[in-house]
């Protein structure tokens, strides 16, 4: 299974359908920030799972380092 870093997985906080405009943009940013936070926790606590999701630790670090507004 390969993790698609272009689109973070839907979180419990996101709505099933993305709104357009400013609200949609803020939701997208929130989802990205949450995804990267969860990835950082996984890399710290269970680094072996990074390989299980199809990433190298370097790819995970690169994704974690991105600001929330970057894809």
PDB file of N, CA and C in Angstrom:
ATOM      1  N   UNK A   1       0.843  -1.181   0.000  1.00  0.00           N
ATOM      2  CA  UNK A   1       0.000   0.000   0.000  1.00  0.00           C
ATOM      3  C   UNK A   1       0.885   1.241   0.000  1.00  0.00           C
ATOM      4  N   UNK A   2       0.618   2.159  -0.877  1.00  0.00           N
ATOM      5  CA  UNK A   2       1.397   3.388  -0.997  1.00  0.00           C
ATOM      6  C   UNK A   2       0.564   4.557  -0.479  1.00  0.00           C
ATOM      7  N   UNK A   3       1.130   5.335   0.401  1.00  0.00           N
ATOM      8  CA  UNK A   3       0.452   6.504   0.937  1.00  0.00           C
ATOM      9  C   UNK A   3       0.556   7.642  -0.060  1.00  0.00           C
ATOM     10  N   UNK A   4      -0.566   8.240  -0.382  1.00  0.00           N
ATOM     11  CA  UNK A   4      -0.596   9.367  -1.317  1.00  0.00           C
ATOM     12  C   UNK A   4      -0.428  10.656  -0.525  1.00  0.00           C
ATOM     13  N   UNK A   5       0.750  11.266  -0.611  1.00  0.00           N
ATOM     14  CA  UNK A   5       1.040  12.464   0.166  1.00  0.00           C
ATOM     15  C   UNK A   5       0.408  13.714  -0.414  1.00  0.00           C
ATOM     16  N   UNK A   6      -0.101  13.635  -1.625  1.00  0.00           N
ATOM     17  CA  UNK A   6      -0.716  14.814  -2.220  1.00  0.00           C
ATOM     18  C   UNK A   6      -2.056  15.134  -1.569  1.00  0.00           C
ATOM     19  N   UNK A   7      -2.759  14.115  -1.085  1.00  0.00           N
ATOM     20  CA  UNK A   7      -4.059  14.323  -0.477  1.00  0.00           C
ATOM     21  C   UNK A   7      -4.092  13.622   0.872  1.00  0.00           C
ATOM     22  N   UNK A   8      -4.029  14.352   1.979  1.00  0.00           N
ATOM     23  CA  UNK A   8      -4.069  13.707   3.282  1.00  0.00           C
ATOM     24  C   UNK A   8      -5.379  12.959   3.493  1.00  0.00           C
ATOM     25  N   UNK A   9      -5.339  11.892   4.280  1.00  0.00           N
ATOM     26  CA  UNK A   9      -6.568  11.164   4.544  1.00  0.00           C
ATOM     27  C   UNK A   9      -7.574  12.012   5.298  1.00  0.00           C
ATOM     28  N   UNK A  10      -8.833  11.698   5.110  1.00  0.00           N
ATOM     29  CA  UNK A  10      -9.882  12.429   5.812  1.00  0.00           C
ATOM     30  C   UNK A  10      -9.755  12.161   7.303  1.00  0.00           C
ATOM     31  N   UNK A  11      -9.819  13.196   8.071  1.00  0.00           N
ATOM     32  CA  UNK A  11      -9.737  13.035   9.521  1.00  0.00           C
ATOM     33  C   UNK A  11     -11.136  13.071  10.107  1.00  0.00           C
ATOM     34  N   UNK A  12     -11.235  12.778  11.370  1.00  0.00           N
ATOM     35  CA  UNK A  12     -12.520  12.801  12.052  1.00  0.00           C
ATOM     36  C   UNK A  12     -13.084  14.218  12.099  1.00  0.00           C
ATOM     37  N   UNK A  13     -12.214  15.211  11.893  1.00  0.00           N
ATOM     38  CA  UNK A  13     -12.638  16.599  11.986  1.00  0.00           C
ATOM     39  C   UNK A  13     -13.064  17.183  10.642  1.00  0.00           C
ATOM     40  N   UNK A  14     -12.797  16.477   9.566  1.00  0.00           N
ATOM     41  CA  UNK A  14     -13.135  17.032   8.257  1.00  0.00           C
ATOM     42  C   UNK A  14     -14.540  16.606   7.847  1.00  0.00           C
ATOM     43  N   UNK A  15     -15.141  17.384   6.997  1.00  0.00           N
ATOM     44  CA  UNK A  15     -16.475  17.085   6.496  1.00  0.00           C
ATOM     45  C   UNK A  15     -16.351  16.183   5.274  1.00  0.00           C
ATOM     46  N   UNK A  16     -17.369  15.326   5.017  1.00  0.00           N
ATOM     47  CA  UNK A  16     -17.299  14.426   3.867  1.00  0.00           C
ATOM     48  C   UNK A  16     -17.142  15.180   2.546  1.00  0.00           C
ATOM     49  N   UNK A  17     -17.822  16.295   2.397  1.00  0.00           N
ATOM     50  CA  UNK A  17     -17.706  17.085   1.179  1.00  0.00           C
ATOM     51  C   UNK A  17     -17.033  18.412   1.507  1.00  0.00           C
ATOM     52  N   UNK A  18     -16.001  18.724   0.762  1.00  0.00           N
ATOM     53  CA  UNK A  18     -15.229  19.936   0.998  1.00  0.00           C
ATOM     54  C   UNK A  18     -16.011  21.147   0.505  1.00  0.00           C
ATOM     55  N   UNK A  19     -16.111  22.154   1.338  1.00  0.00           N
ATOM     56  CA  UNK A  19     -16.748  23.397   0.932  1.00  0.00           C
ATOM     57  C   UNK A  19     -15.786  24.194   0.062  1.00  0.00           C
ATOM     58  N   UNK A  20     -16.334  25.076  -0.718  1.00  0.00           N
ATOM     59  CA  UNK A  20     -15.482  25.928  -1.538  1.00  0.00           C
ATOM     60  C   UNK A  20     -15.188  27.224  -0.799  1.00  0.00           C
ATOM     61  N   UNK A  21     -14.283  27.993  -1.330  1.00  0.00           N
ATOM     62  CA  UNK A  21     -13.978  29.288  -0.750  1.00  0.00           C
ATOM     63  C   UNK A  21     -13.080  29.205   0.468  1.00  0.00           C
ATOM     64  N   UNK A  22     -13.179  30.208   1.295  1.00  0.00           N
ATOM     65  CA  UNK A  22     -12.313  30.350   2.457  1.00  0.00           C
ATOM     66  C   UNK A  22     -12.485  29.199   3.454  1.00  0.00           C
ATOM     67  N   UNK A  23     -13.720  28.783   3.688  1.00  0.00           N
ATOM     68  CA  UNK A  23     -13.974  27.687   4.634  1.00  0.00           C
ATOM     69  C   UNK A  23     -13.303  26.403   4.139  1.00  0.00           C
ATOM     70  N   UNK A  24     -13.422  26.111   2.869  1.00  0.00           N
ATOM     71  CA  UNK A  24     -12.786  24.925   2.299  1.00  0.00           C
ATOM     72  C   UNK A  24     -11.276  24.983   2.389  1.00  0.00           C
ATOM     73  N   UNK A  25     -10.720  26.152   2.162  1.00  0.00           N
ATOM     74  CA  UNK A  25      -9.277  26.328   2.252  1.00  0.00           C
ATOM     75  C   UNK A  25      -8.791  26.096   3.684  1.00  0.00           C
ATOM     76  N   UNK A  26      -9.498  26.626   4.641  1.00  0.00           N
ATOM     77  CA  UNK A  26      -9.127  26.437   6.047  1.00  0.00           C
ATOM     78  C   UNK A  26      -9.250  24.968   6.441  1.00  0.00           C
ATOM     79  N   UNK A  27     -10.290  24.287   5.969  1.00  0.00           N
ATOM     80  CA  UNK A  27     -10.440  22.857   6.247  1.00  0.00           C
ATOM     81  C   UNK A  27      -9.278  22.062   5.652  1.00  0.00           C
ATOM     82  N   UNK A  28      -8.888  22.410   4.447  1.00  0.00           N
ATOM     83  CA  UNK A  28      -7.751  21.738   3.799  1.00  0.00           C
ATOM     84  C   UNK A  28      -6.488  21.951   4.609  1.00  0.00           C
ATOM     85  N   UNK A  29      -6.248  23.181   5.028  1.00  0.00           N
ATOM     86  CA  UNK A  29      -5.058  23.474   5.833  1.00  0.00           C
ATOM     87  C   UNK A  29      -5.079  22.702   7.143  1.00  0.00           C
ATOM     88  N   UNK A  30      -6.257  22.635   7.783  1.00  0.00           N
ATOM     89  CA  UNK A  30      -6.379  21.903   9.036  1.00  0.00           C
ATOM     90  C   UNK A  30      -6.070  20.421   8.827  1.00  0.00           C
ATOM     91  N   UNK A  31      -6.611  19.844   7.752  1.00  0.00           N
ATOM     92  CA  UNK A  31      -6.361  18.430   7.463  1.00  0.00           C
ATOM     93  C   UNK A  31      -4.880  18.161   7.216  1.00  0.00           C
ATOM     94  N   UNK A  32      -4.231  19.043   6.469  1.00  0.00           N
ATOM     95  CA  UNK A  32      -2.792  18.866   6.215  1.00  0.00           C
ATOM     96  C   UNK A  32      -1.984  18.946   7.503  1.00  0.00           C
ATOM     97  N   UNK A  33      -2.301  19.936   8.337  1.00  0.00           N
ATOM     98  CA  UNK A  33      -1.574  20.091   9.600  1.00  0.00           C
ATOM     99  C   UNK A  33      -1.783  18.868  10.487  1.00  0.00           C
ATOM    100  N   UNK A  34      -2.993  18.374  10.560  1.00  0.00           N
ATOM    101  CA  UNK A  34      -3.310  17.204  11.386  1.00  0.00           C
ATOM    102  C   UNK A  34      -2.592  15.959  10.851  1.00  0.00           C
ATOM    103  N   UNK A  35      -2.617  15.779   9.533  1.00  0.00           N
ATOM    104  CA  UNK A  35      -1.930  14.643   8.907  1.00  0.00           C
ATOM    105  C   UNK A  35      -0.439  14.675   9.224  1.00  0.00           C
ATOM    106  N   UNK A  36       0.170  15.834   9.092  1.00  0.00           N
ATOM    107  CA  UNK A  36       1.610  15.944   9.348  1.00  0.00           C
ATOM    108  C   UNK A  36       1.936  15.757  10.825  1.00  0.00           C
ATOM    109  N   UNK A  37       1.039  16.201  11.695  1.00  0.00           N
ATOM    110  CA  UNK A  37       1.230  15.976  13.130  1.00  0.00           C
ATOM    111  C   UNK A  37       1.170  14.478  13.444  1.00  0.00           C
ATOM    112  N   UNK A  38       0.197  13.787  12.872  1.00  0.00           N
ATOM    113  CA  UNK A  38       0.071  12.345  13.090  1.00  0.00           C
ATOM    114  C   UNK A  38       1.273  11.589  12.502  1.00  0.00           C
ATOM    115  N   UNK A  39       1.747  12.027  11.348  1.00  0.00           N
ATOM    116  CA  UNK A  39       2.922  11.409  10.735  1.00  0.00           C
ATOM    117  C   UNK A  39       4.157  11.623  11.610  1.00  0.00           C
ATOM    118  N   UNK A  40       4.298  12.805  12.187  1.00  0.00           N
ATOM    119  CA  UNK A  40       5.427  13.094  13.075  1.00  0.00           C
ATOM    120  C   UNK A  40       5.380  12.211  14.322  1.00  0.00           C
ATOM    121  N   UNK A  41       4.198  12.033  14.880  1.00  0.00           N
ATOM    122  CA  UNK A  41       4.057  11.158  16.046  1.00  0.00           C
ATOM    123  C   UNK A  41       4.401   9.715  15.687  1.00  0.00           C
ATOM    124  N   UNK A  42       3.951   9.271  14.532  1.00  0.00           N
ATOM    125  CA  UNK A  42       4.258   7.921  14.087  1.00  0.00           C
ATOM    126  C   UNK A  42       5.766   7.748  13.887  1.00  0.00           C
ATOM    127  N   UNK A  43       6.402   8.735  13.278  1.00  0.00           N
ATOM    128  CA  UNK A  43       7.853   8.663  13.042  1.00  0.00           C
ATOM    129  C   UNK A  43       8.617   8.627  14.360  1.00  0.00           C
ATOM    130  N   UNK A  44       8.122   9.343  15.348  1.00  0.00           N
ATOM    131  CA  UNK A  44       8.800   9.378  16.641  1.00  0.00           C
ATOM    132  C   UNK A  44       8.542   8.120  17.463  1.00  0.00           C
ATOM    133  N   UNK A  45       7.276   7.711  17.541  1.00  0.00           N
ATOM    134  CA  UNK A  45       6.889   6.633  18.447  1.00  0.00           C
ATOM    135  C   UNK A  45       7.019   5.236  17.854  1.00  0.00           C
ATOM    136  N   UNK A  46       6.675   5.098  16.588  1.00  0.00           N
ATOM    137  CA  UNK A  46       6.710   3.780  15.933  1.00  0.00           C
ATOM    138  C   UNK A  46       7.311   3.916  14.535  1.00  0.00           C
ATOM    139  N   UNK A  47       8.605   4.177  14.446  1.00  0.00           N
ATOM    140  CA  UNK A  47       9.221   4.418  13.140  1.00  0.00           C
ATOM    141  C   UNK A  47       9.098   3.240  12.175  1.00  0.00           C
ATOM    142  N   UNK A  48       8.924   2.032  12.681  1.00  0.00           N
ATOM    143  CA  UNK A  48       8.773   0.885  11.791  1.00  0.00           C
ATOM    144  C   UNK A  48       7.487   0.972  10.970  1.00  0.00           C
ATOM    145  N   UNK A  49       6.506   1.699  11.453  1.00  0.00           N
ATOM    146  CA  UNK A  49       5.246   1.863  10.710  1.00  0.00           C
ATOM    147  C   UNK A  49       5.405   2.775   9.500  1.00  0.00           C
ATOM    148  N   UNK A  50       6.404   3.630   9.505  1.00  0.00           N
ATOM    149  CA  UNK A  50       6.659   4.490   8.345  1.00  0.00           C
ATOM    150  C   UNK A  50       6.926   3.623   7.123  1.00  0.00           C
ATOM    151  N   UNK A  51       7.731   2.602   7.291  1.00  0.00           N
ATOM    152  CA  UNK A  51       8.008   1.679   6.195  1.00  0.00           C
ATOM    153  C   UNK A  51       6.745   0.918   5.798  1.00  0.00           C
ATOM    154  N   UNK A  52       5.905   0.584   6.771  1.00  0.00           N
ATOM    155  CA  UNK A  52       4.670  -0.146   6.494  1.00  0.00           C
ATOM    156  C   UNK A  52       3.716   0.643   5.596  1.00  0.00           C
ATOM    157  N   UNK A  53       3.741   1.956   5.673  1.00  0.00           N
ATOM    158  CA  UNK A  53       2.852   2.765   4.827  1.00  0.00           C
ATOM    159  C   UNK A  53       3.505   3.141   3.506  1.00  0.00           C
ATOM    160  N   UNK A  54       4.707   2.608   3.258  1.00  0.00           N
ATOM    161  CA  UNK A  54       5.342   2.788   1.954  1.00  0.00           C
ATOM    162  C   UNK A  54       6.213   4.016   1.820  1.00  0.00           C
ATOM    163  N   UNK A  55       6.670   4.567   2.934  1.00  0.00           N
ATOM    164  CA  UNK A  55       7.536   5.741   2.892  1.00  0.00           C
ATOM    165  C   UNK A  55       8.893   5.404   3.491  1.00  0.00           C
ATOM    166  N   UNK A  56       9.872   6.165   3.073  1.00  0.00           N
ATOM    167  CA  UNK A  56      11.156   6.109   3.769  1.00  0.00           C
ATOM    168  C   UNK A  56      11.101   7.150   4.885  1.00  0.00           C
ATOM    169  N   UNK A  57      12.000   7.033   5.824  1.00  0.00           N
ATOM    170  CA  UNK A  57      12.022   8.022   6.906  1.00  0.00           C
ATOM    171  C   UNK A  57      12.352   9.402   6.342  1.00  0.00           C
ATOM    172  N   UNK A  58      13.163   9.469   5.320  1.00  0.00           N
ATOM    173  CA  UNK A  58      13.498  10.758   4.699  1.00  0.00           C
ATOM    174  C   UNK A  58      12.250  11.392   4.060  1.00  0.00           C
ATOM    175  N   UNK A  59      11.433  10.589   3.385  1.00  0.00           N
ATOM    176  CA  UNK A  59      10.193  11.113   2.802  1.00  0.00           C
ATOM    177  C   UNK A  59       9.253  11.614   3.897  1.00  0.00           C
ATOM    178  N   UNK A  60       9.177  10.882   4.988  1.00  0.00           N
ATOM    179  CA  UNK A  60       8.326  11.299   6.108  1.00  0.00           C
ATOM    180  C   UNK A  60       8.831  12.621   6.691  1.00  0.00           C
ATOM    181  N   UNK A  61      10.139  12.743   6.886  1.00  0.00           N
ATOM    182  CA  UNK A  61      10.693  13.997   7.428  1.00  0.00           C
ATOM    183  C   UNK A  61      10.420  15.171   6.497  1.00  0.00           C
ATOM    184  N   UNK A  62      10.534  14.933   5.196  1.00  0.00           N
ATOM    185  CA  UNK A  62      10.263  15.994   4.221  1.00  0.00           C
ATOM    186  C   UNK A  62       8.814  16.445   4.309  1.00  0.00           C
ATOM    187  N   UNK A  63       7.898  15.494   4.407  1.00  0.00           N
ATOM    188  CA  UNK A  63       6.471  15.827   4.514  1.00  0.00           C
ATOM    189  C   UNK A  63       6.174  16.545   5.822  1.00  0.00           C
ATOM    190  N   UNK A  64       6.750  16.097   6.910  1.00  0.00           N
ATOM    191  CA  UNK A  64       6.525  16.701   8.225  1.00  0.00           C
ATOM    192  C   UNK A  64       7.018  18.142   8.262  1.00  0.00           C
ATOM    193  N   UNK A  65       8.102  18.422   7.545  1.00  0.00           N
ATOM    194  CA  UNK A  65       8.708  19.747   7.577  1.00  0.00           C
ATOM    195  C   UNK A  65       7.935  20.797   6.776  1.00  0.00           C
ATOM    196  N   UNK A  66       7.014  20.366   5.941  1.00  0.00           N
ATOM    197  CA  UNK A  66       6.259  21.319   5.125  1.00  0.00           C
ATOM    198  C   UNK A  66       5.301  22.130   5.994  1.00  0.00           C
ATOM    199  N   UNK A  67       5.146  23.411   5.683  1.00  0.00           N
ATOM    200  CA  UNK A  67       4.123  24.206   6.378  1.00  0.00           C
ATOM    201  C   UNK A  67       2.731  23.756   5.917  1.00  0.00           C
ATOM    202  N   UNK A  68       1.719  24.030   6.717  1.00  0.00           N
ATOM    203  CA  UNK A  68       0.367  23.532   6.427  1.00  0.00           C
ATOM    204  C   UNK A  68      -0.195  24.021   5.103  1.00  0.00           C
ATOM    205  N   UNK A  69       0.257  25.134   4.588  1.00  0.00           N
ATOM    206  CA  UNK A  69      -0.303  25.661   3.348  1.00  0.00           C
ATOM    207  C   UNK A  69       0.327  25.045   2.100  1.00  0.00           C
ATOM    208  N   UNK A  70       1.395  24.282   2.259  1.00  0.00           N
ATOM    209  CA  UNK A  70       2.032  23.638   1.100  1.00  0.00           C
ATOM    210  C   UNK A  70       1.478  22.249   0.891  1.00  0.00           C
ATOM    211  N   UNK A  71       1.288  21.886  -0.364  1.00  0.00           N
ATOM    212  CA  UNK A  71       0.840  20.541  -0.735  1.00  0.00           C
ATOM    213  C   UNK A  71       1.894  19.534  -0.525  1.00  0.00           C
TER     214      UNK A  71
END
